[in-house]
Amino acid sequence: MTRSSRLGDVEQPVSHGPLEHLMADRPRWTTLNLAALSAATAASRIPRMADLVGAAAARDRLLQSIADRFPLVDAAERRLLERAVVLERITGGSWESIGAILEESATATEVRFAGAERAFVMMEAFPLRRGPGGNPRRIEPEVLLGADAWARTLDGLAPAWAPLPSSLLRIGDETWLAYELDALGRMRAAVHGHDLPDGVDPLEARLAYESRRLASLAWDVSRDRSGTPDMALLDAIAEATAECAGLVAALAGQNSRQLSQPQGAPVDVEERVSWHSGPLADLPQVAGFAER
C-alpha cells in the first residue's frame, strides 16, 4: 500500500494488527534514527513546527526548514534547532555547511552547538545516569529510553495523508551497522580512556558497551548464509557473552555491597569483574554457544 505526502510516495506494509506494528515494523535503533526521532518529537510539540515531523524523521532538510522560519520565539523552538543541528552533524554535515544555513561562521556554529552534539552521542551511548544517591536520573533527550513508544506516539499524531514517522525512521542494515560501529568506537574510547560522562557507573558503562558489541556480532552471524560457521566470529561472541556475564555478576555484587562490603572484594573495576566472573569462565552454556 502506498501513501503520498510532500516527502514523496512511501511504501507502507499492510498492517494486520498492533502486534505486527510493534514487532515487524519497528525501526532498528542506532545513533542516526534516534537523533531523527529526537528532533521529530521536539517538532511535534510546537504548533508552527509540527508539519516538520516528517522532515525530521526522514532527515530531509530539517535544519533549512527551521532556518526559513527564523526568528525562533521560545525555548521549545531553540531546543528543536539544537536537535536539528545535532541530527545534521550525525548525518555528516560539516560546521561550515551548518553555519551557512544559520548565516554564521563555522567557528561560531561549532562553539554554539559542539557541546550539544557530544552530549547527545554520549547520552545515546550511556543513557543510564545516576544521581548522588545512586538513583537513576531523568535523561535528555527523553526518546533515548523507550524509543519504540515515542515512535508510536508520533504515528498516532500523523495526518492520514502522511507516511507514518516510524516508516521514515527505519534504516537499512548496512547503514545501521555503520552507525553501530561508530557508536561502539566512541563507547570503547570512553570506557577504556576513563572519559565517562558524569553519573555513569564504570561497570554499567562496560556492560552497555559489551552488550551492544554482542548484538552487533550476533547480527553478523544472522546475515551469514554461507552455511559454514565463522569460528573467529563465534569465538568473539563467546568472549563477549562471558564478559557480559561477568559484568552482570559484578554489578549484582556491587549492589549487594551497598551496605556491606564482603571481605576480600577488590575496589578496582577490572579486579572486581575478574573476582566475580572467575567462576563463570567455565560456564558450559558459553562453551556450547561457541561450538554451535
Protein backbone atom coordinates (compact mmCIF):
# COMPACT_ATOMS: atom_id res chain seq x y z
CA MET A 1 0.00 0.00 0.00
CA THR A 2 1.37 3.43 -0.96
CA ARG A 3 0.69 6.65 0.90
CA SER A 4 1.52 10.03 -0.62
CA SER A 5 2.99 13.05 1.13
CA ARG A 6 5.01 16.14 0.41
CA LEU A 7 8.06 13.95 1.01
CA GLY A 8 7.06 11.64 -1.84
CA ASP A 9 5.44 8.24 -2.12
CA VAL A 10 6.34 5.89 0.71
CA GLU A 11 5.57 2.20 0.57
CA GLN A 12 3.69 1.10 3.67
CA PRO A 13 3.16 -2.56 4.63
CA VAL A 14 -0.42 -3.65 5.18
CA SER A 15 -0.94 -3.97 8.92
CA HIS A 16 -2.63 -6.97 10.47
CA GLY A 17 -2.91 -5.53 13.96
CA PRO A 18 -0.91 -3.76 16.65
CA LEU A 19 1.41 -6.69 17.34
CA GLU A 20 2.72 -6.66 13.79
CA HIS A 21 3.42 -2.93 14.02
CA LEU A 22 5.20 -3.40 17.34
CA MET A 23 7.38 -6.29 16.27
CA ALA A 24 7.76 -6.43 12.47
CA ASP A 25 7.69 -2.75 11.58
CA ARG A 26 9.72 -1.29 14.41
CA PRO A 27 12.87 0.60 13.39
CA ARG A 28 16.21 -0.87 14.34
CA TRP A 29 17.58 1.89 16.51
CA THR A 30 21.02 3.41 16.32
CA THR A 31 22.53 6.89 16.69
CA LEU A 32 21.19 8.13 13.33
CA ASN A 33 17.49 7.42 13.69
CA LEU A 34 17.47 8.15 17.42
CA ALA A 35 18.69 11.66 16.59
CA ALA A 36 15.93 11.91 13.98
CA LEU A 37 13.34 10.67 16.48
CA SER A 38 14.56 13.23 18.99
CA ALA A 39 14.14 16.08 16.51
CA ALA A 40 10.77 14.79 15.28
CA THR A 41 9.44 14.58 18.84
CA ALA A 42 10.58 18.14 19.55
CA ALA A 43 8.89 19.38 16.36
CA SER A 44 5.62 17.62 17.25
CA ARG A 45 5.32 19.74 20.41
CA ILE A 46 5.45 23.10 18.61
CA PRO A 47 2.29 24.03 16.69
CA ARG A 48 4.03 26.07 13.99
CA MET A 49 6.72 23.41 13.54
CA ALA A 50 4.53 20.30 13.76
CA ASP A 51 4.48 19.90 9.99
CA LEU A 52 8.25 19.27 10.15
CA VAL A 53 7.88 15.90 11.94
CA GLY A 54 8.16 14.05 8.62
CA ALA A 55 11.20 16.08 7.56
CA ALA A 56 12.90 15.27 10.86
CA ALA A 57 12.09 11.55 10.71
CA ALA A 58 13.21 11.34 7.06
CA ARG A 59 16.29 13.52 7.67
CA ASP A 60 15.11 15.75 4.83
CA ARG A 61 16.33 19.39 5.02
CA LEU A 62 15.01 19.87 8.55
CA LEU A 63 17.58 22.48 9.54
CA GLN A 64 16.94 24.60 6.44
CA SER A 65 13.18 24.40 7.06
CA ILE A 66 13.67 25.68 10.60
CA ALA A 67 16.01 28.45 9.45
CA ASP A 68 13.35 29.58 6.96
CA ARG A 69 11.08 30.27 9.95
CA PHE A 70 13.50 32.40 11.97
CA PRO A 71 13.33 34.11 14.37
CA LEU A 72 12.72 31.45 16.99
CA VAL A 73 10.37 32.59 19.70
CA ASP A 74 10.83 30.36 22.74
CA ALA A 75 12.86 27.65 24.48
CA ALA A 76 10.98 24.82 22.74
CA GLU A 77 11.91 26.19 19.31
CA ARG A 78 15.53 26.68 20.35
CA ARG A 79 15.58 23.09 21.61
CA LEU A 80 14.31 21.93 18.22
CA LEU A 81 17.04 23.93 16.49
CA GLU A 82 19.67 22.30 18.69
CA ARG A 83 18.36 18.83 17.93
CA ALA A 84 18.23 19.63 14.22
CA VAL A 85 21.89 20.70 14.29
CA VAL A 86 22.84 17.51 16.12
CA LEU A 87 20.96 15.48 13.50
CA GLU A 88 22.73 17.38 10.72
CA ARG A 89 26.11 16.61 12.30
CA ILE A 90 25.29 12.92 12.75
CA THR A 91 24.27 12.65 9.11
CA GLY A 92 27.67 14.05 8.13
CA GLY A 93 27.12 17.81 7.92
CA SER A 94 30.17 20.00 8.49
CA TRP A 95 30.28 23.03 10.75
CA GLU A 96 30.82 25.09 7.58
CA SER A 97 27.64 23.81 5.90
CA ILE A 98 25.59 24.20 9.08
CA GLY A 99 26.95 27.69 9.65
CA ALA A 100 25.99 28.65 6.10
CA ILE A 101 22.37 27.64 6.78
CA LEU A 102 22.35 29.58 10.05
CA GLU A 103 24.20 32.53 8.46
CA GLU A 104 27.08 32.45 10.91
CA SER A 105 30.70 31.35 10.79
CA ALA A 106 31.77 27.74 11.14
CA THR A 107 33.70 28.62 14.31
CA ALA A 108 30.72 30.35 15.91
CA THR A 109 28.47 27.42 14.99
CA GLU A 110 30.87 24.87 16.46
CA VAL A 111 31.26 26.85 19.69
CA ARG A 112 27.49 27.14 19.94
CA PHE A 113 26.50 23.53 19.25
CA ALA A 114 29.52 21.20 19.77
CA GLY A 115 28.56 20.61 23.40
CA ALA A 116 25.06 19.54 22.38
CA GLU A 117 26.45 17.12 19.82
CA ARG A 118 28.78 15.46 22.34
CA ALA A 119 26.06 15.38 24.99
CA PHE A 120 23.72 13.56 22.59
CA VAL A 121 26.15 10.90 21.38
CA MET A 122 27.33 10.20 24.94
CA MET A 123 23.76 10.06 26.25
CA GLU A 124 22.83 7.73 23.40
CA ALA A 125 25.80 5.53 24.27
CA PHE A 126 25.28 5.58 28.06
CA PRO A 127 21.65 6.57 28.79
CA LEU A 128 21.65 5.24 32.36
CA ARG A 129 22.77 8.11 34.59
CA ARG A 130 22.70 8.12 38.38
CA GLY A 131 22.44 10.91 40.91
CA PRO A 132 24.48 11.22 44.13
CA GLY A 133 22.22 8.70 45.90
CA GLY A 134 22.54 6.14 43.13
CA ASN A 135 19.01 6.62 41.80
CA PRO A 136 18.52 6.86 38.02
CA ARG A 137 18.28 10.43 36.72
CA ARG A 138 15.92 11.77 34.09
CA ILE A 139 17.71 11.95 30.77
CA GLU A 140 17.58 14.39 27.87
CA PRO A 141 16.53 13.77 25.15
CA GLU A 142 13.80 11.62 26.60
CA VAL A 143 13.39 9.42 23.49
CA LEU A 144 16.62 7.53 24.25
CA LEU A 145 14.63 5.38 26.65
CA GLY A 146 11.57 3.72 25.13
CA ALA A 147 12.19 4.77 21.51
CA ASP A 148 9.51 2.41 20.17
CA ALA A 149 6.85 4.02 22.35
CA TRP A 150 7.87 7.53 21.24
CA ALA A 151 7.74 6.45 17.58
CA ARG A 152 4.25 5.01 18.06
CA THR A 153 3.17 8.30 19.64
CA LEU A 154 4.34 10.16 16.55
CA ASP A 155 2.48 7.66 14.35
CA GLY A 156 -0.70 8.44 16.26
CA LEU A 157 -0.27 12.16 15.56
CA ALA A 158 0.46 11.77 11.84
CA PRO A 159 -2.16 13.06 9.37
CA ALA A 160 -3.90 10.41 7.26
CA TRP A 161 -2.18 11.67 4.10
CA ALA A 162 1.34 11.48 5.55
CA PRO A 163 3.68 8.49 5.84
CA LEU A 164 3.98 7.09 9.32
CA PRO A 165 7.03 8.58 11.06
CA SER A 166 8.09 5.10 12.16
CA SER A 167 8.38 4.09 8.49
CA LEU A 168 10.61 7.09 7.80
CA LEU A 169 12.77 6.23 10.80
CA ARG A 170 13.61 2.77 9.50
CA ILE A 171 17.09 2.43 8.01
CA GLY A 172 18.89 -0.24 6.01
CA ASP A 173 21.06 -2.93 7.52
CA GLU A 174 24.34 -1.53 6.23
CA THR A 175 23.53 1.97 7.48
CA TRP A 176 22.58 0.55 10.87
CA LEU A 177 25.82 -1.41 11.12
CA ALA A 178 27.96 1.58 10.12
CA TYR A 179 26.44 3.78 12.83
CA GLU A 180 26.65 0.98 15.39
CA LEU A 181 30.36 0.56 14.71
CA ASP A 182 30.87 4.30 15.13
CA ALA A 183 28.96 4.20 18.42
CA LEU A 184 30.98 1.21 19.64
CA GLY A 185 34.18 3.09 18.86
CA ARG A 186 33.03 6.05 20.96
CA MET A 187 31.95 3.77 23.79
CA ARG A 188 35.21 1.84 23.80
CA ALA A 189 37.24 5.06 23.85
CA ALA A 190 35.17 6.43 26.74
CA VAL A 191 35.30 3.21 28.77
CA HIS A 192 38.97 2.41 28.28
CA GLY A 193 40.06 6.04 28.33
CA HIS A 194 38.24 6.67 31.62
CA ASP A 195 36.36 9.52 29.94
CA LEU A 196 32.82 8.69 31.01
CA PRO A 197 30.21 11.42 31.49
CA ASP A 198 29.13 12.39 34.99
CA GLY A 199 26.67 9.98 36.56
CA VAL A 200 27.79 6.94 34.54
CA ASP A 201 28.89 3.94 36.61
CA PRO A 202 32.05 2.37 35.12
CA LEU A 203 30.71 -1.18 35.42
CA GLU A 204 27.36 -0.25 33.88
CA ALA A 205 29.22 1.53 31.08
CA ARG A 206 31.29 -1.56 30.34
CA LEU A 207 28.16 -3.71 30.33
CA ALA A 208 26.47 -1.26 27.93
CA TYR A 209 29.47 -1.47 25.61
CA GLU A 210 29.86 -5.25 25.74
CA SER A 211 26.14 -5.96 25.29
CA ARG A 212 25.97 -3.59 22.31
CA ARG A 213 29.06 -5.25 20.85
CA LEU A 214 27.45 -8.64 21.36
CA ALA A 215 24.31 -7.50 19.50
CA SER A 216 26.45 -6.32 16.59
CA LEU A 217 28.33 -9.62 16.46
CA ALA A 218 25.09 -11.59 16.62
CA TRP A 219 23.77 -9.57 13.68
CA ASP A 220 26.89 -10.53 11.71
CA VAL A 221 26.13 -14.19 12.40
CA SER A 222 22.47 -13.83 11.43
CA ARG A 223 23.27 -12.47 7.96
CA ASP A 224 25.82 -15.19 7.14
CA ARG A 225 24.22 -17.50 4.56
CA SER A 226 27.36 -19.49 3.72
CA GLY A 227 26.41 -22.43 5.91
CA THR A 228 29.97 -22.54 7.27
CA PRO A 229 30.34 -21.03 10.75
CA ASP A 230 32.95 -18.32 11.14
CA MET A 231 34.86 -19.64 14.12
CA ALA A 232 36.61 -16.33 14.79
CA LEU A 233 33.22 -14.63 14.95
CA LEU A 234 31.82 -17.33 17.23
CA ASP A 235 34.86 -17.00 19.48
CA ALA A 236 34.27 -13.25 19.68
CA ILE A 237 30.63 -13.87 20.59
CA ALA A 238 31.63 -16.34 23.30
CA GLU A 239 34.15 -13.83 24.67
CA ALA A 240 31.58 -11.01 24.69
CA THR A 241 28.98 -13.30 26.28
CA ALA A 242 31.37 -14.29 29.07
CA GLU A 243 32.33 -10.64 29.57
CA CYS A 244 28.65 -9.65 29.87
CA ALA A 245 28.05 -12.47 32.34
CA GLY A 246 30.99 -11.36 34.44
CA LEU A 247 29.83 -7.75 34.42
CA VAL A 248 26.30 -8.72 35.43
CA ALA A 249 27.72 -10.74 38.31
CA ALA A 250 29.98 -7.85 39.31
CA LEU A 251 27.07 -5.41 39.23
CA ALA A 252 24.95 -7.77 41.31
CA GLY A 253 27.78 -7.97 43.82
CA GLN A 254 28.20 -4.21 43.77
CA ASN A 255 24.52 -3.67 44.51
CA SER A 256 24.56 -6.20 47.33
CA ARG A 257 27.61 -4.48 48.85
CA GLN A 258 25.94 -1.07 49.14
CA LEU A 259 25.50 -1.71 52.87
CA SER A 260 28.18 -4.32 53.48
CA GLN A 261 31.44 -4.97 51.61
CA PRO A 262 32.49 -8.67 51.70
CA GLN A 263 35.99 -9.30 52.97
CA GLY A 264 38.47 -9.59 50.11
CA ALA A 265 36.30 -7.87 47.50
CA PRO A 266 38.53 -5.65 45.32
CA VAL A 267 37.80 -1.99 44.64
CA ASP A 268 39.35 -1.58 41.18
CA VAL A 269 36.85 -2.08 38.33
CA GLU A 270 38.97 -4.59 36.39
CA GLU A 271 39.71 -6.62 39.51
CA ARG A 272 36.04 -6.57 40.54
CA VAL A 273 34.98 -8.06 37.19
CA SER A 274 37.63 -10.79 37.39
CA TRP A 275 36.76 -11.51 41.04
CA HIS A 276 33.08 -12.04 40.25
CA SER A 277 33.41 -13.60 36.82
CA GLY A 278 36.08 -16.17 37.63
CA PRO A 279 33.57 -18.95 38.37
CA LEU A 280 31.73 -18.05 35.17
CA ALA A 281 34.66 -18.63 32.85
CA ASP A 282 33.87 -22.33 32.52
CA LEU A 283 30.13 -21.96 32.06
CA PRO A 284 29.06 -24.85 29.80
CA GLN A 285 26.43 -22.58 28.17
CA VAL A 286 29.16 -20.26 26.89
CA ALA A 287 31.32 -23.07 25.57
CA GLY A 288 28.30 -24.74 23.98
CA PHE A 289 27.26 -21.48 22.34
CA ALA A 290 30.72 -21.09 20.80
CA GLU A 291 30.65 -24.64 19.49
CA ARG A 292 27.24 -24.09 17.89
